[in-house]
Amino acid sequence: MGITKTQIFNTTQNELATIFKVLANPARIAILQYISSQKACICNDIVEVIGLAQPTISQHLKELKSIDLIEGQISGKKICYCINLKKWKEVQDVLNSFFDKTKINCC
């Protein structure tokens, strides 16, 4: 969607579209599942767990960071990632609101 066309949609519609776009990749879902299941921040083992190349993982992490779902903290030469719990809850609320307002109808 062109940048000029987003202005005809409301904030919630644009926010949902951005969230769905970022989550529309199975690698990003796998990364989120892995990070969210850990008890501490994750530093280097994402590549081994997910099985993709480091540059590919970095690109997916960048996309997840673009909507603030994850946070990265620099620790020496490493960046450690964890779930941004505040944003995680906000995204959950936006998605729940979207699905809760959907009416079931029969055709």
PDB file of N, CA and C in Angstrom:
ATOM      1  N   MET A   1       0.853  -1.166   0.000  1.00  0.00           N
ATOM      2  CA  MET A   1       0.000   0.000   0.000  1.00  0.00           C
ATOM      3  C   MET A   1       0.898   1.227   0.000  1.00  0.00           C
ATOM      4  N   GLY A   2       0.630   2.141  -0.895  1.00  0.00           N
ATOM      5  CA  GLY A   2       1.412   3.359  -0.973  1.00  0.00           C
ATOM      6  C   GLY A   2       1.251   4.207   0.267  1.00  0.00           C
ATOM      7  N   ILE A   3       2.271   4.958   0.578  1.00  0.00           N
ATOM      8  CA  ILE A   3       2.249   5.782   1.785  1.00  0.00           C
ATOM      9  C   ILE A   3       1.121   6.811   1.739  1.00  0.00           C
ATOM     10  N   THR A   4       0.747   7.254   0.561  1.00  0.00           N
ATOM     11  CA  THR A   4      -0.306   8.259   0.471  1.00  0.00           C
ATOM     12  C   THR A   4      -1.687   7.655   0.734  1.00  0.00           C
ATOM     13  N   LYS A   5      -1.839   6.375   0.522  1.00  0.00           N
ATOM     14  CA  LYS A   5      -3.144   5.741   0.713  1.00  0.00           C
ATOM     15  C   LYS A   5      -3.458   5.438   2.176  1.00  0.00           C
ATOM     16  N   THR A   6      -2.474   5.349   3.032  1.00  0.00           N
ATOM     17  CA  THR A   6      -2.742   5.032   4.438  1.00  0.00           C
ATOM     18  C   THR A   6      -3.543   6.127   5.121  1.00  0.00           C
ATOM     19  N   GLN A   7      -3.487   7.328   4.598  1.00  0.00           N
ATOM     20  CA  GLN A   7      -4.192   8.445   5.233  1.00  0.00           C
ATOM     21  C   GLN A   7      -5.709   8.323   5.144  1.00  0.00           C
ATOM     22  N   ILE A   8      -6.221   7.493   4.244  1.00  0.00           N
ATOM     23  CA  ILE A   8      -7.678   7.350   4.139  1.00  0.00           C
ATOM     24  C   ILE A   8      -8.233   6.351   5.145  1.00  0.00           C
ATOM     25  N   PHE A   9      -7.332   5.685   5.887  1.00  0.00           N
ATOM     26  CA  PHE A   9      -7.755   4.709   6.891  1.00  0.00           C
ATOM     27  C   PHE A   9      -7.492   5.270   8.279  1.00  0.00           C
ATOM     28  N   ASN A  10      -8.275   4.789   9.247  1.00  0.00           N
ATOM     29  CA  ASN A  10      -8.095   5.315  10.598  1.00  0.00           C
ATOM     30  C   ASN A  10      -6.853   4.705  11.267  1.00  0.00           C
ATOM     31  N   THR A  11      -6.509   5.257  12.397  1.00  0.00           N
ATOM     32  CA  THR A  11      -5.296   4.854  13.112  1.00  0.00           C
ATOM     33  C   THR A  11      -5.308   3.378  13.455  1.00  0.00           C
ATOM     34  N   THR A  12      -6.429   2.871  13.932  1.00  0.00           N
ATOM     35  CA  THR A  12      -6.527   1.465  14.309  1.00  0.00           C
ATOM     36  C   THR A  12      -6.336   0.558  13.097  1.00  0.00           C
ATOM     37  N   GLN A  13      -6.932   0.904  11.975  1.00  0.00           N
ATOM     38  CA  GLN A  13      -6.775   0.104  10.760  1.00  0.00           C
ATOM     39  C   GLN A  13      -5.319   0.072  10.312  1.00  0.00           C
ATOM     40  N   ASN A  14      -4.671   1.214  10.340  1.00  0.00           N
ATOM     41  CA  ASN A  14      -3.258   1.263   9.964  1.00  0.00           C
ATOM     42  C   ASN A  14      -2.388   0.491  10.949  1.00  0.00           C
ATOM     43  N   GLU A  15      -2.697   0.597  12.235  1.00  0.00           N
ATOM     44  CA  GLU A  15      -1.935  -0.127  13.254  1.00  0.00           C
ATOM     45  C   GLU A  15      -2.093  -1.634  13.077  1.00  0.00           C
ATOM     46  N   LEU A  16      -3.324  -2.088  12.871  1.00  0.00           N
ATOM     47  CA  LEU A  16      -3.561  -3.510  12.649  1.00  0.00           C
ATOM     48  C   LEU A  16      -2.831  -4.016  11.404  1.00  0.00           C
ATOM     49  N   ALA A  17      -2.872  -3.246  10.340  1.00  0.00           N
ATOM     50  CA  ALA A  17      -2.195  -3.643   9.107  1.00  0.00           C
ATOM     51  C   ALA A  17      -0.691  -3.791   9.333  1.00  0.00           C
ATOM     52  N   THR A  18      -0.116  -2.872  10.082  1.00  0.00           N
ATOM     53  CA  THR A  18       1.314  -2.938  10.372  1.00  0.00           C
ATOM     54  C   THR A  18       1.644  -4.162  11.213  1.00  0.00           C
ATOM     55  N   ILE A  19       0.841  -4.421  12.228  1.00  0.00           N
ATOM     56  CA  ILE A  19       1.054  -5.595  13.081  1.00  0.00           C
ATOM     57  C   ILE A  19       0.950  -6.873  12.259  1.00  0.00           C
ATOM     58  N   PHE A  20      -0.099  -6.990  11.460  1.00  0.00           N
ATOM     59  CA  PHE A  20      -0.279  -8.189  10.647  1.00  0.00           C
ATOM     60  C   PHE A  20       0.863  -8.357   9.646  1.00  0.00           C
ATOM     61  N   LYS A  21       1.338  -7.258   9.092  1.00  0.00           N
ATOM     62  CA  LYS A  21       2.441  -7.328   8.131  1.00  0.00           C
ATOM     63  C   LYS A  21       3.700  -7.876   8.797  1.00  0.00           C
ATOM     64  N   VAL A  22       4.017  -7.368   9.980  1.00  0.00           N
ATOM     65  CA  VAL A  22       5.204  -7.830  10.684  1.00  0.00           C
ATOM     66  C   VAL A  22       5.050  -9.289  11.112  1.00  0.00           C
ATOM     67  N   LEU A  23       3.864  -9.669  11.543  1.00  0.00           N
ATOM     68  CA  LEU A  23       3.641 -11.038  12.013  1.00  0.00           C
ATOM     69  C   LEU A  23       3.396 -12.044  10.878  1.00  0.00           C
ATOM     70  N   ALA A  24       3.361 -11.571   9.648  1.00  0.00           N
ATOM     71  CA  ALA A  24       3.015 -12.433   8.513  1.00  0.00           C
ATOM     72  C   ALA A  24       4.168 -13.303   8.024  1.00  0.00           C
ATOM     73  N   ASN A  25       5.183 -13.467   8.816  1.00  0.00           N
ATOM     74  CA  ASN A  25       6.320 -14.289   8.428  1.00  0.00           C
ATOM     75  C   ASN A  25       6.523 -15.376   9.475  1.00  0.00           C
ATOM     76  N   PRO A  26       6.549 -16.640   9.070  1.00  0.00           N
ATOM     77  CA  PRO A  26       6.672 -17.719  10.059  1.00  0.00           C
ATOM     78  C   PRO A  26       7.980 -17.663  10.861  1.00  0.00           C
ATOM     79  N   ALA A  27       9.033 -17.129  10.283  1.00  0.00           N
ATOM     80  CA  ALA A  27      10.288 -17.006  11.037  1.00  0.00           C
ATOM     81  C   ALA A  27      10.118 -16.032  12.200  1.00  0.00           C
ATOM     82  N   ARG A  28       9.381 -14.958  11.967  1.00  0.00           N
ATOM     83  CA  ARG A  28       9.161 -13.982  13.045  1.00  0.00           C
ATOM     84  C   ARG A  28       8.282 -14.569  14.142  1.00  0.00           C
ATOM     85  N   ILE A  29       7.307 -15.365  13.737  1.00  0.00           N
ATOM     86  CA  ILE A  29       6.468 -16.046  14.736  1.00  0.00           C
ATOM     87  C   ILE A  29       7.327 -16.995  15.561  1.00  0.00           C
ATOM     88  N   ALA A  30       8.205 -17.758  14.897  1.00  0.00           N
ATOM     89  CA  ALA A  30       9.090 -18.678  15.608  1.00  0.00           C
ATOM     90  C   ALA A  30      10.015 -17.935  16.555  1.00  0.00           C
ATOM     91  N   ILE A  31      10.542 -16.806  16.116  1.00  0.00           N
ATOM     92  CA  ILE A  31      11.413 -15.998  16.973  1.00  0.00           C
ATOM     93  C   ILE A  31      10.644 -15.502  18.194  1.00  0.00           C
ATOM     94  N   LEU A  32       9.449 -14.980  17.976  1.00  0.00           N
ATOM     95  CA  LEU A  32       8.628 -14.505  19.104  1.00  0.00           C
ATOM     96  C   LEU A  32       8.287 -15.636  20.066  1.00  0.00           C
ATOM     97  N   GLN A  33       7.930 -16.800  19.519  1.00  0.00           N
ATOM     98  CA  GLN A  33       7.614 -17.935  20.385  1.00  0.00           C
ATOM     99  C   GLN A  33       8.822 -18.335  21.219  1.00  0.00           C
ATOM    100  N   TYR A  34       9.978 -18.340  20.589  1.00  0.00           N
ATOM    101  CA  TYR A  34      11.188 -18.727  21.312  1.00  0.00           C
ATOM    102  C   TYR A  34      11.527 -17.704  22.395  1.00  0.00           C
ATOM    103  N   ILE A  35      11.566 -16.435  22.030  1.00  0.00           N
ATOM    104  CA  ILE A  35      11.924 -15.397  23.008  1.00  0.00           C
ATOM    105  C   ILE A  35      10.910 -15.348  24.149  1.00  0.00           C
ATOM    106  N   SER A  36       9.624 -15.460  23.816  1.00  0.00           N
ATOM    107  CA  SER A  36       8.599 -15.350  24.864  1.00  0.00           C
ATOM    108  C   SER A  36       8.564 -16.556  25.796  1.00  0.00           C
ATOM    109  N   SER A  37       9.162 -17.661  25.376  1.00  0.00           N
ATOM    110  CA  SER A  37       9.154 -18.856  26.230  1.00  0.00           C
ATOM    111  C   SER A  37      10.354 -18.916  27.171  1.00  0.00           C
ATOM    112  N   GLN A  38      11.271 -17.966  27.045  1.00  0.00           N
ATOM    113  CA  GLN A  38      12.484 -17.957  27.859  1.00  0.00           C
ATOM    114  C   GLN A  38      12.283 -17.139  29.128  1.00  0.00           C
ATOM    115  N   LYS A  39      13.051 -17.474  30.144  1.00  0.00           N
ATOM    116  CA  LYS A  39      12.959 -16.772  31.417  1.00  0.00           C
ATOM    117  C   LYS A  39      13.921 -15.597  31.514  1.00  0.00           C
ATOM    118  N   ALA A  40      14.779 -15.446  30.509  1.00  0.00           N
ATOM    119  CA  ALA A  40      15.751 -14.357  30.511  1.00  0.00           C
ATOM    120  C   ALA A  40      15.920 -13.852  29.085  1.00  0.00           C
ATOM    121  N   CYS A  41      16.610 -12.743  28.940  1.00  0.00           N
ATOM    122  CA  CYS A  41      16.881 -12.213  27.602  1.00  0.00           C
ATOM    123  C   CYS A  41      17.724 -13.206  26.807  1.00  0.00           C
ATOM    124  N   ILE A  42      17.533 -13.202  25.511  1.00  0.00           N
ATOM    125  CA  ILE A  42      18.213 -14.123  24.610  1.00  0.00           C
ATOM    126  C   ILE A  42      19.323 -13.364  23.893  1.00  0.00           C
ATOM    127  N   CYS A  43      20.521 -13.940  23.870  1.00  0.00           N
ATOM    128  CA  CYS A  43      21.635 -13.246  23.220  1.00  0.00           C
ATOM    129  C   CYS A  43      22.015 -13.889  21.890  1.00  0.00           C
ATOM    130  N   ASN A  44      22.695 -15.001  21.880  1.00  0.00           N
ATOM    131  CA  ASN A  44      23.246 -15.540  20.644  1.00  0.00           C
ATOM    132  C   ASN A  44      22.551 -16.779  20.101  1.00  0.00           C
ATOM    133  N   ASP A  45      21.767 -17.451  20.872  1.00  0.00           N
ATOM    134  CA  ASP A  45      21.291 -18.763  20.444  1.00  0.00           C
ATOM    135  C   ASP A  45      20.091 -18.746  19.497  1.00  0.00           C
ATOM    136  N   ILE A  46      19.615 -17.604  19.073  1.00  0.00           N
ATOM    137  CA  ILE A  46      18.464 -17.549  18.166  1.00  0.00           C
ATOM    138  C   ILE A  46      18.795 -18.216  16.839  1.00  0.00           C
ATOM    139  N   VAL A  47      19.993 -17.988  16.320  1.00  0.00           N
ATOM    140  CA  VAL A  47      20.391 -18.561  15.031  1.00  0.00           C
ATOM    141  C   VAL A  47      20.361 -20.089  15.099  1.00  0.00           C
ATOM    142  N   GLU A  48      20.921 -20.654  16.172  1.00  0.00           N
ATOM    143  CA  GLU A  48      20.950 -22.113  16.298  1.00  0.00           C
ATOM    144  C   GLU A  48      19.549 -22.697  16.445  1.00  0.00           C
ATOM    145  N   VAL A  49      18.700 -22.014  17.187  1.00  0.00           N
ATOM    146  CA  VAL A  49      17.350 -22.519  17.452  1.00  0.00           C
ATOM    147  C   VAL A  49      16.459 -22.417  16.220  1.00  0.00           C
ATOM    148  N   ILE A  50      16.487 -21.281  15.533  1.00  0.00           N
ATOM    149  CA  ILE A  50      15.598 -21.051  14.394  1.00  0.00           C
ATOM    150  C   ILE A  50      16.132 -21.722  13.136  1.00  0.00           C
ATOM    151  N   GLY A  51      17.448 -21.758  12.968  1.00  0.00           N
ATOM    152  CA  GLY A  51      18.028 -22.441  11.820  1.00  0.00           C
ATOM    153  C   GLY A  51      18.164 -21.591  10.570  1.00  0.00           C
ATOM    154  N   LEU A  52      18.144 -20.283  10.720  1.00  0.00           N
ATOM    155  CA  LEU A  52      18.362 -19.380   9.593  1.00  0.00           C
ATOM    156  C   LEU A  52      19.704 -18.681   9.770  1.00  0.00           C
ATOM    157  N   ALA A  53      20.199 -18.107   8.689  1.00  0.00           N
ATOM    158  CA  ALA A  53      21.471 -17.396   8.737  1.00  0.00           C
ATOM    159  C   ALA A  53      21.375 -16.161   9.629  1.00  0.00           C
ATOM    160  N   GLN A  54      22.515 -15.767  10.209  1.00  0.00           N
ATOM    161  CA  GLN A  54      22.558 -14.604  11.092  1.00  0.00           C
ATOM    162  C   GLN A  54      21.994 -13.337  10.451  1.00  0.00           C
ATOM    163  N   PRO A  55      22.349 -13.018   9.187  1.00  0.00           N
ATOM    164  CA  PRO A  55      21.782 -11.798   8.585  1.00  0.00           C
ATOM    165  C   PRO A  55      20.260 -11.869   8.442  1.00  0.00           C
ATOM    166  N   THR A  56      19.750 -13.055   8.173  1.00  0.00           N
ATOM    167  CA  THR A  56      18.295 -13.232   8.044  1.00  0.00           C
ATOM    168  C   THR A  56      17.619 -13.029   9.395  1.00  0.00           C
ATOM    169  N   ILE A  57      18.183 -13.627  10.427  1.00  0.00           N
ATOM    170  CA  ILE A  57      17.647 -13.445  11.784  1.00  0.00           C
ATOM    171  C   ILE A  57      17.695 -11.967  12.165  1.00  0.00           C
ATOM    172  N   SER A  58      18.786 -11.306  11.847  1.00  0.00           N
ATOM    173  CA  SER A  58      18.916  -9.880  12.175  1.00  0.00           C
ATOM    174  C   SER A  58      17.834  -9.055  11.498  1.00  0.00           C
ATOM    175  N   GLN A  59      17.524  -9.374  10.252  1.00  0.00           N
ATOM    176  CA  GLN A  59      16.478  -8.644   9.533  1.00  0.00           C
ATOM    177  C   GLN A  59      15.115  -8.870  10.190  1.00  0.00           C
ATOM    178  N   HIS A  60      14.837 -10.109  10.585  1.00  0.00           N
ATOM    179  CA  HIS A  60      13.565 -10.401  11.254  1.00  0.00           C
ATOM    180  C   HIS A  60      13.482  -9.706  12.612  1.00  0.00           C
ATOM    181  N   LEU A  61      14.583  -9.688  13.346  1.00  0.00           N
ATOM    182  CA  LEU A  61      14.606  -8.981  14.631  1.00  0.00           C
ATOM    183  C   LEU A  61      14.363  -7.492  14.426  1.00  0.00           C
ATOM    184  N   LYS A  62      14.936  -6.940  13.369  1.00  0.00           N
ATOM    185  CA  LYS A  62      14.728  -5.524  13.051  1.00  0.00           C
ATOM    186  C   LYS A  62      13.248  -5.238  12.806  1.00  0.00           C
ATOM    187  N   GLU A  63      12.572  -6.103  12.069  1.00  0.00           N
ATOM    188  CA  GLU A  63      11.142  -5.922  11.801  1.00  0.00           C
ATOM    189  C   GLU A  63      10.328  -6.013  13.088  1.00  0.00           C
ATOM    190  N   LEU A  64      10.650  -6.951  13.952  1.00  0.00           N
ATOM    191  CA  LEU A  64       9.938  -7.080  15.225  1.00  0.00           C
ATOM    192  C   LEU A  64      10.193  -5.866  16.120  1.00  0.00           C
ATOM    193  N   LYS A  65      11.409  -5.339  16.066  1.00  0.00           N
ATOM    194  CA  LYS A  65      11.725  -4.136  16.836  1.00  0.00           C
ATOM    195  C   LYS A  65      11.013  -2.916  16.264  1.00  0.00           C
ATOM    196  N   SER A  66      10.725  -2.930  14.965  1.00  0.00           N
ATOM    197  CA  SER A  66      10.093  -1.760  14.338  1.00  0.00           C
ATOM    198  C   SER A  66       8.713  -1.466  14.902  1.00  0.00           C
ATOM    199  N   ILE A  67       8.042  -2.495  15.438  1.00  0.00           N
ATOM    200  CA  ILE A  67       6.751  -2.260  16.096  1.00  0.00           C
ATOM    201  C   ILE A  67       6.865  -2.439  17.610  1.00  0.00           C
ATOM    202  N   ASP A  68       8.092  -2.450  18.098  1.00  0.00           N
ATOM    203  CA  ASP A  68       8.399  -2.499  19.538  1.00  0.00           C
ATOM    204  C   ASP A  68       7.951  -3.764  20.247  1.00  0.00           C
ATOM    205  N   LEU A  69       7.752  -4.861  19.515  1.00  0.00           N
ATOM    206  CA  LEU A  69       7.380  -6.111  20.180  1.00  0.00           C
ATOM    207  C   LEU A  69       8.538  -6.689  20.977  1.00  0.00           C
ATOM    208  N   ILE A  70       9.747  -6.415  20.523  1.00  0.00           N
ATOM    209  CA  ILE A  70      10.918  -6.879  21.255  1.00  0.00           C
ATOM    210  C   ILE A  70      11.824  -5.691  21.549  1.00  0.00           C
ATOM    211  N   GLU A  71      12.657  -5.886  22.562  1.00  0.00           N
ATOM    212  CA  GLU A  71      13.635  -4.882  22.944  1.00  0.00           C
ATOM    213  C   GLU A  71      15.013  -5.521  22.850  1.00  0.00           C
ATOM    214  N   GLY A  72      15.993  -4.737  22.458  1.00  0.00           N
ATOM    215  CA  GLY A  72      17.362  -5.222  22.400  1.00  0.00           C
ATOM    216  C   GLY A  72      18.254  -4.386  23.288  1.00  0.00           C
ATOM    217  N   GLN A  73      19.069  -5.075  24.073  1.00  0.00           N
ATOM    218  CA  GLN A  73      20.011  -4.383  24.953  1.00  0.00           C
ATOM    219  C   GLN A  73      21.417  -4.842  24.595  1.00  0.00           C
ATOM    220  N   ILE A  74      22.314  -3.888  24.432  1.00  0.00           N
ATOM    221  CA  ILE A  74      23.688  -4.216  24.073  1.00  0.00           C
ATOM    222  C   ILE A  74      24.433  -4.690  25.314  1.00  0.00           C
ATOM    223  N   SER A  75      25.072  -5.849  25.166  1.00  0.00           N
ATOM    224  CA  SER A  75      25.866  -6.424  26.247  1.00  0.00           C
ATOM    225  C   SER A  75      27.214  -6.825  25.654  1.00  0.00           C
ATOM    226  N   GLY A  76      28.194  -5.935  25.723  1.00  0.00           N
ATOM    227  CA  GLY A  76      29.482  -6.188  25.079  1.00  0.00           C
ATOM    228  C   GLY A  76      29.324  -6.147  23.575  1.00  0.00           C
ATOM    229  N   LYS A  77      29.695  -7.243  22.907  1.00  0.00           N
ATOM    230  CA  LYS A  77      29.541  -7.335  21.455  1.00  0.00           C
ATOM    231  C   LYS A  77      28.203  -7.943  21.066  1.00  0.00           C
ATOM    232  N   LYS A  78      27.412  -8.338  22.026  1.00  0.00           N
ATOM    233  CA  LYS A  78      26.134  -8.995  21.775  1.00  0.00           C
ATOM    234  C   LYS A  78      24.969  -8.034  21.991  1.00  0.00           C
ATOM    235  N   ILE A  79      23.868  -8.358  21.318  1.00  0.00           N
ATOM    236  CA  ILE A  79      22.608  -7.689  21.621  1.00  0.00           C
ATOM    237  C   ILE A  79      21.681  -8.758  22.176  1.00  0.00           C
ATOM    238  N   CYS A  80      21.176  -8.525  23.353  1.00  0.00           N
ATOM    239  CA  CYS A  80      20.263  -9.478  23.988  1.00  0.00           C
ATOM    240  C   CYS A  80      18.832  -8.984  23.790  1.00  0.00           C
ATOM    241  N   TYR A  81      17.956  -9.912  23.430  1.00  0.00           N
ATOM    242  CA  TYR A  81      16.575  -9.555  23.113  1.00  0.00           C
ATOM    243  C   TYR A  81      15.611 -10.141  24.130  1.00  0.00           C
ATOM    244  N   CYS A  82      14.555  -9.376  24.372  1.00  0.00           N
ATOM    245  CA  CYS A  82      13.462  -9.857  25.214  1.00  0.00           C
ATOM    246  C   CYS A  82      12.156  -9.243  24.699  1.00  0.00           C
ATOM    247  N   ILE A  83      11.065  -9.790  25.151  1.00  0.00           N
ATOM    248  CA  ILE A  83       9.744  -9.287  24.777  1.00  0.00           C
ATOM    249  C   ILE A  83       9.508  -7.960  25.500  1.00  0.00           C
ATOM    250  N   ASN A  84       8.990  -6.987  24.773  1.00  0.00           N
ATOM    251  CA  ASN A  84       8.566  -5.722  25.373  1.00  0.00           C
ATOM    252  C   ASN A  84       7.152  -5.978  25.902  1.00  0.00           C
ATOM    253  N   LEU A  85       7.054  -6.287  27.181  1.00  0.00           N
ATOM    254  CA  LEU A  85       5.771  -6.725  27.747  1.00  0.00           C
ATOM    255  C   LEU A  85       4.671  -5.682  27.619  1.00  0.00           C
ATOM    256  N   LYS A  86       5.011  -4.409  27.731  1.00  0.00           N
ATOM    257  CA  LYS A  86       3.998  -3.362  27.594  1.00  0.00           C
ATOM    258  C   LYS A  86       3.408  -3.368  26.183  1.00  0.00           C
ATOM    259  N   LYS A  87       4.273  -3.407  25.180  1.00  0.00           N
ATOM    260  CA  LYS A  87       3.799  -3.418  23.791  1.00  0.00           C
ATOM    261  C   LYS A  87       3.103  -4.736  23.468  1.00  0.00           C
ATOM    262  N   TRP A  88       3.605  -5.826  24.020  1.00  0.00           N
ATOM    263  CA  TRP A  88       2.999  -7.149  23.827  1.00  0.00           C
ATOM    264  C   TRP A  88       1.537  -7.109  24.252  1.00  0.00           C
ATOM    265  N   LYS A  89       1.279  -6.499  25.408  1.00  0.00           N
ATOM    266  CA  LYS A  89      -0.092  -6.376  25.928  1.00  0.00           C
ATOM    267  C   LYS A  89      -0.922  -5.448  25.050  1.00  0.00           C
ATOM    268  N   GLU A  90      -0.334  -4.343  24.594  1.00  0.00           N
ATOM    269  CA  GLU A  90      -1.054  -3.418  23.713  1.00  0.00           C
ATOM    270  C   GLU A  90      -1.467  -4.112  22.410  1.00  0.00           C
ATOM    271  N   VAL A  91      -0.560  -4.875  21.820  1.00  0.00           N
ATOM    272  CA  VAL A  91      -0.868  -5.602  20.582  1.00  0.00           C
ATOM    273  C   VAL A  91      -1.963  -6.630  20.845  1.00  0.00           C
ATOM    274  N   GLN A  92      -1.854  -7.321  21.958  1.00  0.00           N
ATOM    275  CA  GLN A  92      -2.888  -8.296  22.326  1.00  0.00           C
ATOM    276  C   GLN A  92      -4.251  -7.614  22.455  1.00  0.00           C
ATOM    277  N   ASP A  93      -4.289  -6.455  23.090  1.00  0.00           N
ATOM    278  CA  ASP A  93      -5.549  -5.727  23.252  1.00  0.00           C
ATOM    279  C   ASP A  93      -6.114  -5.262  21.914  1.00  0.00           C
ATOM    280  N   VAL A  94      -5.248  -4.755  21.029  1.00  0.00           N
ATOM    281  CA  VAL A  94      -5.700  -4.307  19.704  1.00  0.00           C
ATOM    282  C   VAL A  94      -6.266  -5.482  18.907  1.00  0.00           C
ATOM    283  N   LEU A  95      -5.573  -6.617  18.934  1.00  0.00           N
ATOM    284  CA  LEU A  95      -6.053  -7.792  18.204  1.00  0.00           C
ATOM    285  C   LEU A  95      -7.353  -8.329  18.805  1.00  0.00           C
ATOM    286  N   ASN A  96      -7.414  -8.387  20.131  1.00  0.00           N
ATOM    287  CA  ASN A  96      -8.645  -8.850  20.783  1.00  0.00           C
ATOM    288  C   ASN A  96      -9.821  -7.948  20.444  1.00  0.00           C
ATOM    289  N   SER A  97      -9.598  -6.656  20.453  1.00  0.00           N
ATOM    290  CA  SER A  97     -10.653  -5.705  20.117  1.00  0.00           C
ATOM    291  C   SER A  97     -11.138  -5.923  18.687  1.00  0.00           C
ATOM    292  N   PHE A  98     -10.205  -6.144  17.784  1.00  0.00           N
ATOM    293  CA  PHE A  98     -10.552  -6.393  16.380  1.00  0.00           C
ATOM    294  C   PHE A  98     -11.416  -7.647  16.255  1.00  0.00           C
ATOM    295  N   PHE A  99     -10.999  -8.732  16.872  1.00  0.00           N
ATOM    296  CA  PHE A  99     -11.744  -9.979  16.761  1.00  0.00           C
ATOM    297  C   PHE A  99     -13.038  -9.951  17.555  1.00  0.00           C
ATOM    298  N   ASP A 100     -13.058  -9.266  18.694  1.00  0.00           N
ATOM    299  CA  ASP A 100     -14.267  -9.191  19.502  1.00  0.00           C
ATOM    300  C   ASP A 100     -15.375  -8.403  18.818  1.00  0.00           C
ATOM    301  N   LYS A 101     -15.014  -7.441  17.987  1.00  0.00           N
ATOM    302  CA  LYS A 101     -16.015  -6.618  17.304  1.00  0.00           C
ATOM    303  C   LYS A 101     -16.564  -7.264  16.035  1.00  0.00           C
ATOM    304  N   THR A 102     -15.920  -8.338  15.631  1.00  0.00           N
ATOM    305  CA  THR A 102     -16.354  -9.016  14.415  1.00  0.00           C
ATOM    306  C   THR A 102     -17.630  -9.791  14.713  1.00  0.00           C
ATOM    307  N   LYS A 103     -18.637  -9.527  13.910  1.00  0.00           N
ATOM    308  CA  LYS A 103     -19.923 -10.215  14.086  1.00  0.00           C
ATOM    309  C   LYS A 103     -19.941 -11.447  13.195  1.00  0.00           C
ATOM    310  N   ILE A 104     -20.477 -12.508  13.746  1.00  0.00           N
ATOM    311  CA  ILE A 104     -20.612 -13.731  12.963  1.00  0.00           C
ATOM    312  C   ILE A 104     -21.903 -13.630  12.170  1.00  0.00           C
ATOM    313  N   ASN A 105     -21.831 -13.883  10.892  1.00  0.00           N
ATOM    314  CA  ASN A 105     -23.041 -13.876  10.094  1.00  0.00           C
ATOM    315  C   ASN A 105     -23.035 -15.072   9.145  1.00  0.00           C
ATOM    316  N   CYS A 106     -24.208 -15.444   8.751  1.00  0.00           N
ATOM    317  CA  CYS A 106     -24.365 -16.562   7.835  1.00  0.00           C
ATOM    318  C   CYS A 106     -24.726 -16.041   6.460  1.00  0.00           C
ATOM    319  N   CYS A 107     -24.146 -16.607   5.470  1.00  0.00           N
ATOM    320  CA  CYS A 107     -24.466 -16.212   4.102  1.00  0.00           C
ATOM    321  C   CYS A 107     -25.380 -17.252   3.475  1.00  0.00           C
TER     322      CYS A 107
END
